[in-house]
Amino acid sequence: MKKVVYSAVQPTSQLTLGNYLGAVNNWLKLQQDESKERIFAVADLHSLTIRREAREVRENTLSLLAQFLAFGLDEKRNIIYVQSHVPAHTQLAWILNCYTYVGEMSRMTQFKDKSAKHADNVNMGLMDYPVLMAADILLYDTDLVPVGVDQVQHLEIARDIAIRFNNIYGETFKVPEALLGRAGAKIMSLTDPTAKMSKSDPNPMGRINVLDSEADIVKKFKRAVTDSESVIAYDPEKKPGVSNLLAILAAAKGTIPEQEAGECEGLMYGHLKLRAAEAVSAMLRPVRERYEALIKDEGYLLEVAREGAEKAAAIAEKTLKRAGAAVGLLQG
């Protein structure tokens, strides 16, 4: 029996170079593994915790769907769908809410961080986010969830809720495990090389978006932080800015930072920045070209979403019925 791997991404902005070299590359490797059933969700309901214009939410959802396909995810070999198109997500989330404690939610690191950043809109969705995430995962009898180290806490909550429910009602949910991606280049911000490159970074110059134009990529690399020396060497502790550029260059070329440092010996920092910009542009160019064609065909994107939702719902409804029956909800 195939193991189910579940991944979901909020459609809040473009994915970054860091996302591409990390999560996306791991997805593409998983796609070659026929022992796995892969499910990818555009988590539009999660994006509502931060207030946005309706037009922006819709456009971001279509954009992320197009990005998934542009990366090379195959809708015929994977289930690719939009979260809100499968009502079982919110229905199961309500059941799980009744087996989750307020104290658990209030202690979540992300809730504390986002509450501080958005003090004018500390809504229940922010606090309840991990329960909906648990429903997302548990609906599909998920075996493995690809996560970064900073996301393990949310998966632990999903596991805790599943175990608690199972202890009360018997084996209802499969308890998922973390799938930690292969260690690869840790891509840091171009403006603050001590912080991870993030799509939520308020400074757009700190991140390379996968859909950035080649001119923007060059501009951002030109402004990347280095140091006051003029020696190109890979030393993340003493030379974080230069080392980040070398790590990016190596990841884009499929080499290692030390090799790139050797090949750049004697060059000025400006040359290193240009090499990194050219390598990243060459890597992302096919993605951007596929995306530009896909985003113009809204009908096709909606059809992909519809077909994906049908496949997802067929699985999710079975789990929802099982959970509903366990707690005594009248089954039609």
C-alpha atoms as a PDB file:
ATOM      1  CA  MET A   1       0.000   0.000   0.000  1.00  0.00           C
ATOM      2  CA  LYS A   2       1.348   3.421  -0.956  1.00  0.00           C
ATOM      3  CA  LYS A   3       2.343   5.858   1.772  1.00  0.00           C
ATOM      4  CA  VAL A   4       0.495   9.189   1.618  1.00  0.00           C
ATOM      5  CA  VAL A   5       2.615  12.358   1.629  1.00  0.00           C
ATOM      6  CA  TYR A   6       0.716  15.610   2.260  1.00  0.00           C
ATOM      7  CA  SER A   7       1.975  19.153   1.601  1.00  0.00           C
ATOM      8  CA  ALA A   8       0.107  22.460   1.780  1.00  0.00           C
ATOM      9  CA  VAL A   9       1.205  26.025   1.043  1.00  0.00           C
ATOM     10  CA  GLN A  10      -0.570  29.286   1.792  1.00  0.00           C
ATOM     11  CA  PRO A  11      -1.222  31.463  -1.273  1.00  0.00           C
ATOM     12  CA  THR A  12      -0.016  34.645   0.376  1.00  0.00           C
ATOM     13  CA  SER A  13       2.814  35.590  -1.981  1.00  0.00           C
ATOM     14  CA  GLN A  14       5.236  34.110  -4.481  1.00  0.00           C
ATOM     15  CA  LEU A  15       7.460  31.303  -3.296  1.00  0.00           C
ATOM     16  CA  THR A  16      11.101  32.214  -2.869  1.00  0.00           C
ATOM     17  CA  LEU A  17      14.392  30.846  -4.091  1.00  0.00           C
ATOM     18  CA  GLY A  18      14.757  29.250  -0.654  1.00  0.00           C
ATOM     19  CA  ASN A  19      11.406  27.465  -1.062  1.00  0.00           C
ATOM     20  CA  TYR A  20      12.397  26.322  -4.548  1.00  0.00           C
ATOM     21  CA  LEU A  21      15.771  24.898  -3.551  1.00  0.00           C
ATOM     22  CA  GLY A  22      14.290  23.289  -0.440  1.00  0.00           C
ATOM     23  CA  ALA A  23      10.651  22.191  -0.462  1.00  0.00           C
ATOM     24  CA  VAL A  24      10.038  22.242  -4.219  1.00  0.00           C
ATOM     25  CA  ASN A  25      13.125  20.196  -5.072  1.00  0.00           C
ATOM     26  CA  ASN A  26      12.077  17.645  -2.457  1.00  0.00           C
ATOM     27  CA  TRP A  27       8.559  17.514  -3.973  1.00  0.00           C
ATOM     28  CA  LEU A  28      10.000  16.821  -7.403  1.00  0.00           C
ATOM     29  CA  LYS A  29      12.115  13.992  -5.989  1.00  0.00           C
ATOM     30  CA  LEU A  30       9.041  12.553  -4.245  1.00  0.00           C
ATOM     31  CA  GLN A  31       7.156  12.698  -7.537  1.00  0.00           C
ATOM     32  CA  GLN A  32       9.571  10.096  -8.899  1.00  0.00           C
ATOM     33  CA  ASP A  33       8.822   7.739  -5.990  1.00  0.00           C
ATOM     34  CA  GLU A  34       5.961   5.500  -7.067  1.00  0.00           C
ATOM     35  CA  SER A  35       5.718   4.021  -3.559  1.00  0.00           C
ATOM     36  CA  LYS A  36       4.178   7.324  -2.429  1.00  0.00           C
ATOM     37  CA  GLU A  37       0.800   8.948  -3.073  1.00  0.00           C
ATOM     38  CA  ARG A  38       1.377  12.701  -3.116  1.00  0.00           C
ATOM     39  CA  ILE A  39      -1.185  15.356  -2.229  1.00  0.00           C
ATOM     40  CA  PHE A  40      -0.519  19.089  -2.692  1.00  0.00           C
ATOM     41  CA  ALA A  41      -2.942  21.710  -1.403  1.00  0.00           C
ATOM     42  CA  VAL A  42      -3.265  25.436  -1.997  1.00  0.00           C
ATOM     43  CA  ALA A  43      -4.222  26.371   1.568  1.00  0.00           C
ATOM     44  CA  ASP A  44      -6.453  29.356   0.819  1.00  0.00           C
ATOM     45  CA  LEU A  45      -8.481  29.076   4.047  1.00  0.00           C
ATOM     46  CA  HIS A  46      -5.315  29.465   6.098  1.00  0.00           C
ATOM     47  CA  SER A  47      -4.482  32.669   4.226  1.00  0.00           C
ATOM     48  CA  LEU A  48      -7.630  34.366   5.558  1.00  0.00           C
ATOM     49  CA  THR A  49      -6.129  34.811   9.026  1.00  0.00           C
ATOM     50  CA  ILE A  50      -4.480  37.977   7.682  1.00  0.00           C
ATOM     51  CA  ARG A  51      -7.052  40.305   6.133  1.00  0.00           C
ATOM     52  CA  ARG A  52      -6.677  40.886   2.405  1.00  0.00           C
ATOM     53  CA  GLU A  53      -8.777  42.161  -0.466  1.00  0.00           C
ATOM     54  CA  ALA A  54     -10.961  39.462  -2.029  1.00  0.00           C
ATOM     55  CA  ARG A  55      -9.352  40.051  -5.428  1.00  0.00           C
ATOM     56  CA  GLU A  56      -5.889  39.491  -3.946  1.00  0.00           C
ATOM     57  CA  VAL A  57      -6.927  36.210  -2.292  1.00  0.00           C
ATOM     58  CA  ARG A  58      -8.360  34.901  -5.561  1.00  0.00           C
ATOM     59  CA  GLU A  59      -5.374  36.002  -7.662  1.00  0.00           C
ATOM     60  CA  ASN A  60      -2.895  34.547  -5.176  1.00  0.00           C
ATOM     61  CA  THR A  61      -4.745  31.224  -5.201  1.00  0.00           C
ATOM     62  CA  LEU A  62      -4.617  30.948  -8.991  1.00  0.00           C
ATOM     63  CA  SER A  63      -0.993  32.089  -8.974  1.00  0.00           C
ATOM     64  CA  LEU A  64       0.134  29.421  -6.515  1.00  0.00           C
ATOM     65  CA  LEU A  65      -1.754  26.760  -8.450  1.00  0.00           C
ATOM     66  CA  ALA A  66       0.077  27.883 -11.606  1.00  0.00           C
ATOM     67  CA  GLN A  67       3.393  27.900  -9.718  1.00  0.00           C
ATOM     68  CA  PHE A  68       2.852  24.289  -8.613  1.00  0.00           C
ATOM     69  CA  LEU A  69       2.390  23.251 -12.238  1.00  0.00           C
ATOM     70  CA  ALA A  70       5.235  25.445 -13.501  1.00  0.00           C
ATOM     71  CA  PHE A  71       7.616  23.771 -11.047  1.00  0.00           C
ATOM     72  CA  GLY A  72       6.858  20.473 -12.748  1.00  0.00           C
ATOM     73  CA  LEU A  73       4.272  18.932 -10.421  1.00  0.00           C
ATOM     74  CA  ASP A  74       2.085  16.716 -12.609  1.00  0.00           C
ATOM     75  CA  GLU A  75      -1.655  16.914 -11.922  1.00  0.00           C
ATOM     76  CA  LYS A  76      -2.076  13.428 -13.414  1.00  0.00           C
ATOM     77  CA  ARG A  77       0.416  11.828 -11.033  1.00  0.00           C
ATOM     78  CA  ASN A  78      -0.475  13.853  -7.925  1.00  0.00           C
ATOM     79  CA  ILE A  79      -3.598  15.212  -6.275  1.00  0.00           C
ATOM     80  CA  ILE A  80      -3.382  19.008  -6.590  1.00  0.00           C
ATOM     81  CA  TYR A  81      -6.327  20.947  -5.199  1.00  0.00           C
ATOM     82  CA  VAL A  82      -7.547  24.103  -3.456  1.00  0.00           C
ATOM     83  CA  GLN A  83      -8.326  23.615   0.235  1.00  0.00           C
ATOM     84  CA  SER A  84     -11.650  25.492   0.305  1.00  0.00           C
ATOM     85  CA  HIS A  85     -12.975  23.302  -2.530  1.00  0.00           C
ATOM     86  CA  VAL A  86     -13.153  20.360  -0.096  1.00  0.00           C
ATOM     87  CA  PRO A  87     -15.648  21.264   2.687  1.00  0.00           C
ATOM     88  CA  ALA A  88     -14.532  18.308   4.799  1.00  0.00           C
ATOM     89  CA  HIS A  89     -11.529  20.383   5.943  1.00  0.00           C
ATOM     90  CA  THR A  90     -13.584  22.839   7.957  1.00  0.00           C
ATOM     91  CA  GLN A  91     -16.072  20.172   9.053  1.00  0.00           C
ATOM     92  CA  LEU A  92     -13.368  17.982  10.538  1.00  0.00           C
ATOM     93  CA  ALA A  93     -11.637  21.032  12.029  1.00  0.00           C
ATOM     94  CA  TRP A  94     -14.786  21.746  14.083  1.00  0.00           C
ATOM     95  CA  ILE A  95     -14.842  18.196  15.444  1.00  0.00           C
ATOM     96  CA  LEU A  96     -11.135  18.411  16.298  1.00  0.00           C
ATOM     97  CA  ASN A  97     -11.656  21.785  17.999  1.00  0.00           C
ATOM     98  CA  CYS A  98     -13.735  19.963  20.582  1.00  0.00           C
ATOM     99  CA  TYR A  99     -10.734  17.795  21.457  1.00  0.00           C
ATOM    100  CA  THR A 100      -8.153  20.579  21.556  1.00  0.00           C
ATOM    101  CA  TYR A 101      -7.357  22.773  24.550  1.00  0.00           C
ATOM    102  CA  VAL A 102      -7.150  26.562  24.489  1.00  0.00           C
ATOM    103  CA  GLY A 103      -3.870  26.417  26.396  1.00  0.00           C
ATOM    104  CA  GLU A 104      -2.293  24.327  23.649  1.00  0.00           C
ATOM    105  CA  MET A 105      -3.187  26.901  21.022  1.00  0.00           C
ATOM    106  CA  SER A 106      -2.141  29.945  23.040  1.00  0.00           C
ATOM    107  CA  ARG A 107       1.332  28.466  23.551  1.00  0.00           C
ATOM    108  CA  MET A 108       1.996  27.985  19.838  1.00  0.00           C
ATOM    109  CA  THR A 109       5.050  29.941  18.709  1.00  0.00           C
ATOM    110  CA  GLN A 110       3.470  31.062  15.430  1.00  0.00           C
ATOM    111  CA  PHE A 111       0.386  32.387  17.232  1.00  0.00           C
ATOM    112  CA  LYS A 112       2.580  34.477  19.517  1.00  0.00           C
ATOM    113  CA  ASP A 113       4.674  35.784  16.620  1.00  0.00           C
ATOM    114  CA  LYS A 114       1.740  36.650  14.346  1.00  0.00           C
ATOM    115  CA  SER A 115      -0.239  38.185  17.209  1.00  0.00           C
ATOM    116  CA  ALA A 116       2.676  40.521  17.853  1.00  0.00           C
ATOM    117  CA  LYS A 117       2.997  41.422  14.162  1.00  0.00           C
ATOM    118  CA  HIS A 118      -0.749  41.905  13.620  1.00  0.00           C
ATOM    119  CA  ALA A 119      -1.847  43.284  16.987  1.00  0.00           C
ATOM    120  CA  ASP A 120      -4.814  45.057  15.363  1.00  0.00           C
ATOM    121  CA  ASN A 121      -6.265  41.757  14.094  1.00  0.00           C
ATOM    122  CA  VAL A 122      -5.666  38.964  16.612  1.00  0.00           C
ATOM    123  CA  ASN A 123      -8.517  36.764  15.400  1.00  0.00           C
ATOM    124  CA  MET A 124      -9.632  33.250  16.298  1.00  0.00           C
ATOM    125  CA  GLY A 125      -8.355  31.995  12.954  1.00  0.00           C
ATOM    126  CA  LEU A 126      -4.800  32.826  14.031  1.00  0.00           C
ATOM    127  CA  MET A 127      -5.198  30.844  17.240  1.00  0.00           C
ATOM    128  CA  ASP A 128      -7.088  27.979  15.596  1.00  0.00           C
ATOM    129  CA  TYR A 129      -4.730  27.675  12.628  1.00  0.00           C
ATOM    130  CA  PRO A 130      -3.035  24.487  13.927  1.00  0.00           C
ATOM    131  CA  VAL A 131      -6.385  22.694  14.332  1.00  0.00           C
ATOM    132  CA  LEU A 132      -7.334  23.345  10.715  1.00  0.00           C
ATOM    133  CA  MET A 133      -3.842  22.194   9.765  1.00  0.00           C
ATOM    134  CA  ALA A 134      -4.416  19.015  11.772  1.00  0.00           C
ATOM    135  CA  ALA A 135      -7.672  18.452   9.878  1.00  0.00           C
ATOM    136  CA  ASP A 136      -5.852  19.011   6.569  1.00  0.00           C
ATOM    137  CA  ILE A 137      -3.370  16.287   7.419  1.00  0.00           C
ATOM    138  CA  LEU A 138      -5.626  13.758   9.154  1.00  0.00           C
ATOM    139  CA  LEU A 139      -8.320  13.813   6.458  1.00  0.00           C
ATOM    140  CA  TYR A 140      -6.096  11.950   4.014  1.00  0.00           C
ATOM    141  CA  ASP A 141      -4.756   9.196   6.303  1.00  0.00           C
ATOM    142  CA  THR A 142      -1.420  10.905   5.847  1.00  0.00           C
ATOM    143  CA  ASP A 143       1.709   8.922   6.627  1.00  0.00           C
ATOM    144  CA  LEU A 144       4.329  11.608   6.026  1.00  0.00           C
ATOM    145  CA  VAL A 145       4.346  15.412   6.132  1.00  0.00           C
ATOM    146  CA  PRO A 146       7.381  17.194   4.646  1.00  0.00           C
ATOM    147  CA  VAL A 147       8.338  19.851   7.192  1.00  0.00           C
ATOM    148  CA  GLY A 148      11.192  22.130   8.062  1.00  0.00           C
ATOM    149  CA  VAL A 149      12.598  22.219  11.577  1.00  0.00           C
ATOM    150  CA  ASP A 150      10.576  25.390  12.280  1.00  0.00           C
ATOM    151  CA  GLN A 151       7.297  23.622  11.377  1.00  0.00           C
ATOM    152  CA  VAL A 152       7.624  20.539  13.567  1.00  0.00           C
ATOM    153  CA  GLN A 153       5.572  22.110  16.400  1.00  0.00           C
ATOM    154  CA  HIS A 154       2.435  22.262  14.233  1.00  0.00           C
ATOM    155  CA  LEU A 155       2.812  18.645  13.181  1.00  0.00           C
ATOM    156  CA  GLU A 156       3.234  17.662  16.825  1.00  0.00           C
ATOM    157  CA  ILE A 157      -0.142  19.272  17.595  1.00  0.00           C
ATOM    158  CA  ALA A 158      -1.757  17.262  14.785  1.00  0.00           C
ATOM    159  CA  ARG A 159      -0.218  14.095  16.215  1.00  0.00           C
ATOM    160  CA  ASP A 160      -1.338  14.965  19.751  1.00  0.00           C
ATOM    161  CA  ILE A 161      -4.932  15.584  18.630  1.00  0.00           C
ATOM    162  CA  ALA A 162      -5.029  12.340  16.625  1.00  0.00           C
ATOM    163  CA  ILE A 163      -3.641  10.288  19.523  1.00  0.00           C
ATOM    164  CA  ARG A 164      -6.042  11.923  22.002  1.00  0.00           C
ATOM    165  CA  PHE A 165      -9.030  11.225  19.744  1.00  0.00           C
ATOM    166  CA  ASN A 166      -7.909   7.640  19.113  1.00  0.00           C
ATOM    167  CA  ASN A 167      -7.484   7.025  22.842  1.00  0.00           C
ATOM    168  CA  ILE A 168     -11.114   8.036  23.402  1.00  0.00           C
ATOM    169  CA  TYR A 169     -12.809   6.469  20.377  1.00  0.00           C
ATOM    170  CA  GLY A 170     -10.437   3.818  19.078  1.00  0.00           C
ATOM    171  CA  GLU A 171      -8.274   3.903  15.951  1.00  0.00           C
ATOM    172  CA  THR A 172      -9.929   6.619  13.874  1.00  0.00           C
ATOM    173  CA  PHE A 173      -6.999   8.633  12.539  1.00  0.00           C
ATOM    174  CA  LYS A 174      -3.617   7.594  11.214  1.00  0.00           C
ATOM    175  CA  VAL A 175      -0.923   9.360  13.246  1.00  0.00           C
ATOM    176  CA  PRO A 176       1.403  11.141  10.776  1.00  0.00           C
ATOM    177  CA  GLU A 177       5.174  11.327  10.907  1.00  0.00           C
ATOM    178  CA  ALA A 178       7.493  14.166   9.907  1.00  0.00           C
ATOM    179  CA  LEU A 179       9.406  13.810   6.655  1.00  0.00           C
ATOM    180  CA  LEU A 180      12.463  15.983   7.058  1.00  0.00           C
ATOM    181  CA  GLY A 181      13.837  16.923   3.654  1.00  0.00           C
ATOM    182  CA  ARG A 182      17.353  16.066   2.631  1.00  0.00           C
ATOM    183  CA  ALA A 183      19.740  18.598   4.047  1.00  0.00           C
ATOM    184  CA  GLY A 184      20.594  21.068   1.355  1.00  0.00           C
ATOM    185  CA  ALA A 185      21.685  24.641   1.038  1.00  0.00           C
ATOM    186  CA  LYS A 186      20.269  26.868   3.747  1.00  0.00           C
ATOM    187  CA  ILE A 187      19.351  29.997   1.815  1.00  0.00           C
ATOM    188  CA  MET A 188      19.538  33.186   3.835  1.00  0.00           C
ATOM    189  CA  SER A 189      18.215  36.697   3.285  1.00  0.00           C
ATOM    190  CA  LEU A 190      20.254  38.829   0.891  1.00  0.00           C
ATOM    191  CA  THR A 191      19.914  41.840   3.197  1.00  0.00           C
ATOM    192  CA  ASP A 192      20.377  39.969   6.495  1.00  0.00           C
ATOM    193  CA  PRO A 193      22.421  36.802   5.956  1.00  0.00           C
ATOM    194  CA  THR A 194      21.862  35.754   9.580  1.00  0.00           C
ATOM    195  CA  ALA A 195      18.126  35.226   8.876  1.00  0.00           C
ATOM    196  CA  LYS A 196      16.495  32.657   6.598  1.00  0.00           C
ATOM    197  CA  MET A 197      15.168  33.895   3.248  1.00  0.00           C
ATOM    198  CA  SER A 198      11.401  34.133   3.745  1.00  0.00           C
ATOM    199  CA  LYS A 199       8.400  35.012   1.597  1.00  0.00           C
ATOM    200  CA  SER A 200       7.057  36.977   4.585  1.00  0.00           C
ATOM    201  CA  ASP A 201      10.151  39.196   4.794  1.00  0.00           C
ATOM    202  CA  PRO A 202       8.854  42.794   4.721  1.00  0.00           C
ATOM    203  CA  ASN A 203      11.957  43.843   2.776  1.00  0.00           C
ATOM    204  CA  PRO A 204      11.524  42.581  -0.820  1.00  0.00           C
ATOM    205  CA  MET A 205      15.243  43.106  -1.494  1.00  0.00           C
ATOM    206  CA  GLY A 206      16.058  40.325   0.953  1.00  0.00           C
ATOM    207  CA  ARG A 207      14.439  37.581  -1.081  1.00  0.00           C
ATOM    208  CA  ILE A 208      14.493  36.249  -4.630  1.00  0.00           C
ATOM    209  CA  ASN A 209      10.987  35.281  -5.713  1.00  0.00           C
ATOM    210  CA  VAL A 210      10.720  32.406  -8.177  1.00  0.00           C
ATOM    211  CA  LEU A 211       8.835  34.678 -10.587  1.00  0.00           C
ATOM    212  CA  ASP A 212      11.179  37.668 -10.351  1.00  0.00           C
ATOM    213  CA  SER A 213      12.315  39.081 -13.683  1.00  0.00           C
ATOM    214  CA  GLU A 214      15.959  38.621 -14.578  1.00  0.00           C
ATOM    215  CA  ALA A 215      16.477  42.365 -14.156  1.00  0.00           C
ATOM    216  CA  ASP A 216      15.070  42.212 -10.615  1.00  0.00           C
ATOM    217  CA  ILE A 217      17.235  39.206  -9.784  1.00  0.00           C
ATOM    218  CA  VAL A 218      20.366  41.083 -10.879  1.00  0.00           C
ATOM    219  CA  LYS A 219      19.306  44.198  -8.954  1.00  0.00           C
ATOM    220  CA  LYS A 220      18.731  42.246  -5.741  1.00  0.00           C
ATOM    221  CA  PHE A 221      22.035  40.409  -5.953  1.00  0.00           C
ATOM    222  CA  LYS A 222      23.900  43.649  -6.637  1.00  0.00           C
ATOM    223  CA  ARG A 223      22.554  45.016  -3.343  1.00  0.00           C
ATOM    224  CA  ALA A 224      23.239  41.831  -1.368  1.00  0.00           C
ATOM    225  CA  VAL A 225      25.119  42.294   1.898  1.00  0.00           C
ATOM    226  CA  THR A 226      28.741  41.095   1.931  1.00  0.00           C
ATOM    227  CA  ASP A 227      31.457  42.461   4.260  1.00  0.00           C
ATOM    228  CA  SER A 228      34.268  45.006   4.379  1.00  0.00           C
ATOM    229  CA  GLU A 229      36.925  42.549   3.202  1.00  0.00           C
ATOM    230  CA  SER A 230      37.572  41.612  -0.408  1.00  0.00           C
ATOM    231  CA  VAL A 231      38.329  37.903  -0.037  1.00  0.00           C
ATOM    232  CA  ILE A 232      35.886  35.339  -1.424  1.00  0.00           C
ATOM    233  CA  ALA A 233      35.857  32.390   0.992  1.00  0.00           C
ATOM    234  CA  TYR A 234      33.214  30.038   2.334  1.00  0.00           C
ATOM    235  CA  ASP A 235      32.993  30.658   6.088  1.00  0.00           C
ATOM    236  CA  PRO A 236      29.355  31.004   7.262  1.00  0.00           C
ATOM    237  CA  GLU A 237      30.355  32.188  10.740  1.00  0.00           C
ATOM    238  CA  LYS A 238      32.901  34.855   9.840  1.00  0.00           C
ATOM    239  CA  LYS A 239      31.620  35.762   6.354  1.00  0.00           C
ATOM    240  CA  PRO A 240      27.847  35.072   6.359  1.00  0.00           C
ATOM    241  CA  GLY A 241      26.996  37.350   3.431  1.00  0.00           C
ATOM    242  CA  VAL A 242      29.668  36.042   1.065  1.00  0.00           C
ATOM    243  CA  SER A 243      29.010  32.463   2.192  1.00  0.00           C
ATOM    244  CA  ASN A 244      25.301  32.880   1.440  1.00  0.00           C
ATOM    245  CA  LEU A 245      26.111  34.025  -2.101  1.00  0.00           C
ATOM    246  CA  LEU A 246      28.416  31.034  -2.561  1.00  0.00           C
ATOM    247  CA  ALA A 247      25.739  28.664  -1.206  1.00  0.00           C
ATOM    248  CA  ILE A 248      23.160  30.088  -3.622  1.00  0.00           C
ATOM    249  CA  LEU A 249      25.564  29.905  -6.573  1.00  0.00           C
ATOM    250  CA  ALA A 250      26.454  26.303  -5.725  1.00  0.00           C
ATOM    251  CA  ALA A 251      22.827  25.230  -5.249  1.00  0.00           C
ATOM    252  CA  ALA A 252      21.830  26.763  -8.582  1.00  0.00           C
ATOM    253  CA  LYS A 253      24.689  24.969 -10.375  1.00  0.00           C
ATOM    254  CA  GLY A 254      24.494  21.679  -8.473  1.00  0.00           C
ATOM    255  CA  THR A 255      27.964  22.007  -6.947  1.00  0.00           C
ATOM    256  CA  ILE A 256      29.246  22.813  -3.439  1.00  0.00           C
ATOM    257  CA  PRO A 257      30.103  26.251  -1.972  1.00  0.00           C
ATOM    258  CA  GLU A 258      33.769  25.401  -1.414  1.00  0.00           C
ATOM    259  CA  GLN A 259      34.170  24.588  -5.109  1.00  0.00           C
ATOM    260  CA  GLU A 260      32.586  27.888  -6.115  1.00  0.00           C
ATOM    261  CA  ALA A 261      34.814  29.752  -3.661  1.00  0.00           C
ATOM    262  CA  GLY A 262      37.858  28.211  -5.334  1.00  0.00           C
ATOM    263  CA  GLU A 263      36.639  29.164  -8.800  1.00  0.00           C
ATOM    264  CA  CYS A 264      35.983  32.743  -7.624  1.00  0.00           C
ATOM    265  CA  GLU A 265      39.383  33.160  -5.974  1.00  0.00           C
ATOM    266  CA  GLY A 266      40.844  36.563  -6.759  1.00  0.00           C
ATOM    267  CA  LEU A 267      37.565  38.006  -8.055  1.00  0.00           C
ATOM    268  CA  MET A 268      35.794  41.037  -6.634  1.00  0.00           C
ATOM    269  CA  TYR A 269      32.521  40.684  -4.729  1.00  0.00           C
ATOM    270  CA  GLY A 270      30.709  42.279  -7.646  1.00  0.00           C
ATOM    271  CA  HIS A 271      31.770  39.402  -9.896  1.00  0.00           C
ATOM    272  CA  LEU A 272      30.506  36.851  -7.347  1.00  0.00           C
ATOM    273  CA  LYS A 273      27.151  38.638  -7.178  1.00  0.00           C
ATOM    274  CA  LEU A 274      26.860  38.631 -10.964  1.00  0.00           C
ATOM    275  CA  ARG A 275      27.733  34.922 -11.174  1.00  0.00           C
ATOM    276  CA  ALA A 276      25.077  34.115  -8.575  1.00  0.00           C
ATOM    277  CA  ALA A 277      22.482  36.243 -10.383  1.00  0.00           C
ATOM    278  CA  GLU A 278      23.219  34.576 -13.732  1.00  0.00           C
ATOM    279  CA  ALA A 279      23.058  31.052 -12.280  1.00  0.00           C
ATOM    280  CA  VAL A 280      19.771  31.703 -10.477  1.00  0.00           C
ATOM    281  CA  SER A 281      18.252  33.379 -13.540  1.00  0.00           C
ATOM    282  CA  ALA A 282      19.182  30.401 -15.725  1.00  0.00           C
ATOM    283  CA  MET A 283      17.665  27.973 -13.215  1.00  0.00           C
ATOM    284  CA  LEU A 284      14.387  29.870 -12.764  1.00  0.00           C
ATOM    285  CA  ARG A 285      13.893  30.967 -16.396  1.00  0.00           C
ATOM    286  CA  PRO A 286      12.013  27.778 -17.477  1.00  0.00           C
ATOM    287  CA  VAL A 287       9.755  28.017 -14.409  1.00  0.00           C
ATOM    288  CA  ARG A 288       8.894  31.632 -15.140  1.00  0.00           C
ATOM    289  CA  GLU A 289       8.203  30.891 -18.816  1.00  0.00           C
ATOM    290  CA  ARG A 290       5.885  27.973 -17.976  1.00  0.00           C
ATOM    291  CA  TYR A 291       4.157  30.090 -15.350  1.00  0.00           C
ATOM    292  CA  GLU A 292       3.526  32.964 -17.764  1.00  0.00           C
ATOM    293  CA  ALA A 293       1.757  30.572 -20.143  1.00  0.00           C
ATOM    294  CA  LEU A 294      -0.254  28.865 -17.389  1.00  0.00           C
ATOM    295  CA  ILE A 295      -1.489  32.000 -15.629  1.00  0.00           C
ATOM    296  CA  LYS A 296      -3.073  33.210 -18.873  1.00  0.00           C
ATOM    297  CA  ASP A 297      -5.225  30.064 -19.076  1.00  0.00           C
ATOM    298  CA  GLU A 298      -7.566  30.447 -16.108  1.00  0.00           C
ATOM    299  CA  GLY A 299      -9.950  27.853 -17.521  1.00  0.00           C
ATOM    300  CA  TYR A 300      -7.241  25.214 -17.436  1.00  0.00           C
ATOM    301  CA  LEU A 301      -6.231  26.128 -13.873  1.00  0.00           C
ATOM    302  CA  LEU A 302      -9.844  25.909 -12.697  1.00  0.00           C
ATOM    303  CA  GLU A 303     -10.198  22.502 -14.351  1.00  0.00           C
ATOM    304  CA  VAL A 304      -7.050  21.252 -12.595  1.00  0.00           C
ATOM    305  CA  ALA A 305      -8.473  22.531  -9.310  1.00  0.00           C
ATOM    306  CA  ARG A 306     -11.860  20.907  -9.950  1.00  0.00           C
ATOM    307  CA  GLU A 307     -10.398  17.515 -10.829  1.00  0.00           C
ATOM    308  CA  GLY A 308      -8.029  17.664  -7.869  1.00  0.00           C
ATOM    309  CA  ALA A 309     -10.847  18.555  -5.477  1.00  0.00           C
ATOM    310  CA  GLU A 310     -12.913  15.597  -6.701  1.00  0.00           C
ATOM    311  CA  LYS A 311     -10.046  13.198  -5.999  1.00  0.00           C
ATOM    312  CA  ALA A 312      -9.304  14.804  -2.632  1.00  0.00           C
ATOM    313  CA  ALA A 313     -12.951  14.836  -1.536  1.00  0.00           C
ATOM    314  CA  ALA A 314     -13.349  11.139  -2.317  1.00  0.00           C
ATOM    315  CA  ILE A 315     -10.694  10.391   0.314  1.00  0.00           C
ATOM    316  CA  ALA A 316     -11.618  13.138   2.785  1.00  0.00           C
ATOM    317  CA  GLU A 317     -15.310  12.242   2.989  1.00  0.00           C
ATOM    318  CA  LYS A 318     -14.484   8.729   4.183  1.00  0.00           C
ATOM    319  CA  THR A 319     -12.360  10.057   7.036  1.00  0.00           C
ATOM    320  CA  LEU A 320     -14.957  12.677   7.965  1.00  0.00           C
ATOM    321  CA  LYS A 321     -17.692  10.022   8.136  1.00  0.00           C
ATOM    322  CA  ARG A 322     -15.479   7.822  10.281  1.00  0.00           C
ATOM    323  CA  ALA A 323     -14.781  10.661  12.715  1.00  0.00           C
ATOM    324  CA  GLY A 324     -18.419  11.775  12.750  1.00  0.00           C
ATOM    325  CA  ALA A 325     -19.632   8.258  13.484  1.00  0.00           C
ATOM    326  CA  ALA A 326     -17.064   7.924  16.276  1.00  0.00           C
ATOM    327  CA  VAL A 327     -18.455  10.947  18.147  1.00  0.00           C
ATOM    328  CA  GLY A 328     -22.083  10.001  17.464  1.00  0.00           C
ATOM    329  CA  LEU A 329     -23.079  12.389  14.680  1.00  0.00           C
ATOM    330  CA  LEU A 330     -26.129  11.063  12.845  1.00  0.00           C
ATOM    331  CA  GLN A 331     -25.036   9.509   9.571  1.00  0.00           C
ATOM    332  CA  GLY A 332     -27.347   9.975   6.567  1.00  0.00           C
END
